[in-house]
């Protein structure tokens, strides 16, 4: 019994330490200064603010669909396609301004 507890405790500590190390090592590329100039980012944000708010609204609507018992798969597919299309448009604008994809959070 003691042996099983020790093995279980060692496994738990190993998992926790690996998780902590990987979380501390993972940094955003924007945190490293790899994003574009602040003025360019501001222009990008202004140009895509309407698209971003539409993506958020569609995502919220999609999440609402998943909460219903009578789930409408066609409506969910339409919303997912619209979200994908909007994100593609945002990506095009980001490419125009030279903003890397990791900065598009």
Protein backbone atom coordinates (compact mmCIF):
# COMPACT_ATOMS: atom_id res chain seq x y z
CA UNK A 1 0.00 0.00 0.00
CA UNK A 2 2.79 2.43 0.92
CA UNK A 3 4.65 1.54 -2.26
CA UNK A 4 1.61 2.40 -4.41
CA UNK A 5 1.18 5.74 -2.63
CA UNK A 6 4.84 6.62 -3.15
CA UNK A 7 4.65 5.73 -6.85
CA UNK A 8 1.43 7.73 -7.24
CA UNK A 9 2.91 10.72 -5.45
CA UNK A 10 6.06 10.57 -7.59
CA UNK A 11 3.97 10.46 -10.77
CA UNK A 12 1.83 13.39 -9.65
CA UNK A 13 4.91 15.47 -8.80
CA UNK A 14 6.45 14.61 -12.17
CA UNK A 15 3.34 15.65 -14.05
CA UNK A 16 3.05 18.89 -12.10
CA UNK A 17 6.70 19.80 -12.64
CA UNK A 18 6.53 19.12 -16.38
CA UNK A 19 3.40 21.26 -16.62
CA UNK A 20 5.00 24.11 -14.71
CA UNK A 21 8.18 23.99 -16.78
CA UNK A 22 6.32 23.95 -20.09
CA UNK A 23 4.04 26.79 -18.99
CA UNK A 24 6.96 28.97 -17.95
CA UNK A 25 8.87 28.20 -21.15
CA UNK A 26 5.95 29.00 -23.45
CA UNK A 27 5.91 32.70 -24.24
CA UNK A 28 3.99 34.55 -26.85
CA UNK A 29 5.97 35.72 -29.84
CA UNK A 30 4.44 39.12 -29.17
CA UNK A 31 5.97 39.10 -25.73
CA UNK A 32 9.38 38.76 -27.35
CA UNK A 33 8.87 41.90 -29.42
CA UNK A 34 8.31 40.05 -32.69
CA UNK A 35 5.17 42.01 -33.51
CA UNK A 36 5.13 45.02 -35.76
CA UNK A 37 5.37 48.66 -34.81
CA UNK A 38 2.75 49.90 -32.32
CA UNK A 39 1.30 52.27 -34.90
CA UNK A 40 0.91 49.44 -37.43
CA UNK A 41 -0.76 47.26 -34.80
CA UNK A 42 -3.11 50.13 -33.95
CA UNK A 43 -4.04 50.58 -37.63
CA UNK A 44 -4.61 46.83 -37.93
CA UNK A 45 -6.80 46.84 -34.82
CA UNK A 46 -8.87 49.75 -36.09
CA UNK A 47 -9.34 48.15 -39.50
CA UNK A 48 -10.33 44.77 -38.11
CA UNK A 49 -12.36 45.82 -35.06
CA UNK A 50 -15.69 45.28 -36.82
CA UNK A 51 -14.57 41.86 -38.06
CA UNK A 52 -13.33 40.89 -34.60
CA UNK A 53 -16.56 41.87 -32.91
CA UNK A 54 -18.53 39.92 -35.52
CA UNK A 55 -16.35 36.85 -34.91
CA UNK A 56 -16.99 37.15 -31.17
CA UNK A 57 -20.74 37.49 -31.72
CA UNK A 58 -20.84 34.46 -34.05
CA UNK A 59 -18.74 32.44 -31.60
CA UNK A 60 -21.11 33.33 -28.78
CA UNK A 61 -24.08 32.33 -30.93
CA UNK A 62 -22.38 29.03 -31.77
CA UNK A 63 -21.70 28.32 -28.10
CA UNK A 64 -25.36 29.02 -27.40
CA UNK A 65 -26.36 26.43 -29.97
CA UNK A 66 -24.34 23.78 -28.21
CA UNK A 67 -26.36 24.41 -25.04
CA UNK A 68 -29.68 23.45 -26.61
CA UNK A 69 -31.00 19.94 -26.57
CA UNK A 70 -32.36 20.22 -30.11
CA UNK A 71 -28.97 20.99 -31.63
CA UNK A 72 -29.21 22.32 -35.21
CA UNK A 73 -26.17 20.91 -37.02
CA UNK A 74 -26.79 22.94 -40.19
CA UNK A 75 -26.90 26.22 -38.27
CA UNK A 76 -23.70 25.25 -36.42
CA UNK A 77 -21.97 24.42 -39.71
CA UNK A 78 -23.04 27.77 -41.16
CA UNK A 79 -21.75 29.65 -38.13
CA UNK A 80 -18.44 27.77 -38.18
CA UNK A 81 -18.03 28.56 -41.89
CA UNK A 82 -18.80 32.25 -41.28
CA UNK A 83 -16.30 32.38 -38.41
CA UNK A 84 -13.64 30.74 -40.57
CA UNK A 85 -14.31 33.22 -43.37
CA UNK A 86 -14.11 36.20 -41.02
CA UNK A 87 -10.86 34.95 -39.51
CA UNK A 88 -9.51 34.56 -43.04
CA UNK A 89 -10.35 38.19 -43.76
CA UNK A 90 -8.57 39.26 -40.57
CA UNK A 91 -5.54 37.19 -41.65
CA UNK A 92 -5.49 38.97 -45.03
CA UNK A 93 -5.40 42.36 -43.28
CA UNK A 94 -2.65 41.09 -40.95
CA UNK A 95 -0.60 39.99 -43.95
CA UNK A 96 -1.12 43.41 -45.52
CA UNK A 97 0.39 45.06 -42.44
CA UNK A 98 3.07 42.40 -41.98
CA UNK A 99 1.80 41.23 -38.62
CA UNK A 100 2.72 37.65 -37.72
CA UNK A 101 -0.03 35.15 -36.98
CA UNK A 102 1.00 34.66 -33.36
CA UNK A 103 0.09 38.29 -32.68
CA UNK A 104 -3.52 37.83 -33.78
CA UNK A 105 -4.99 36.86 -30.43
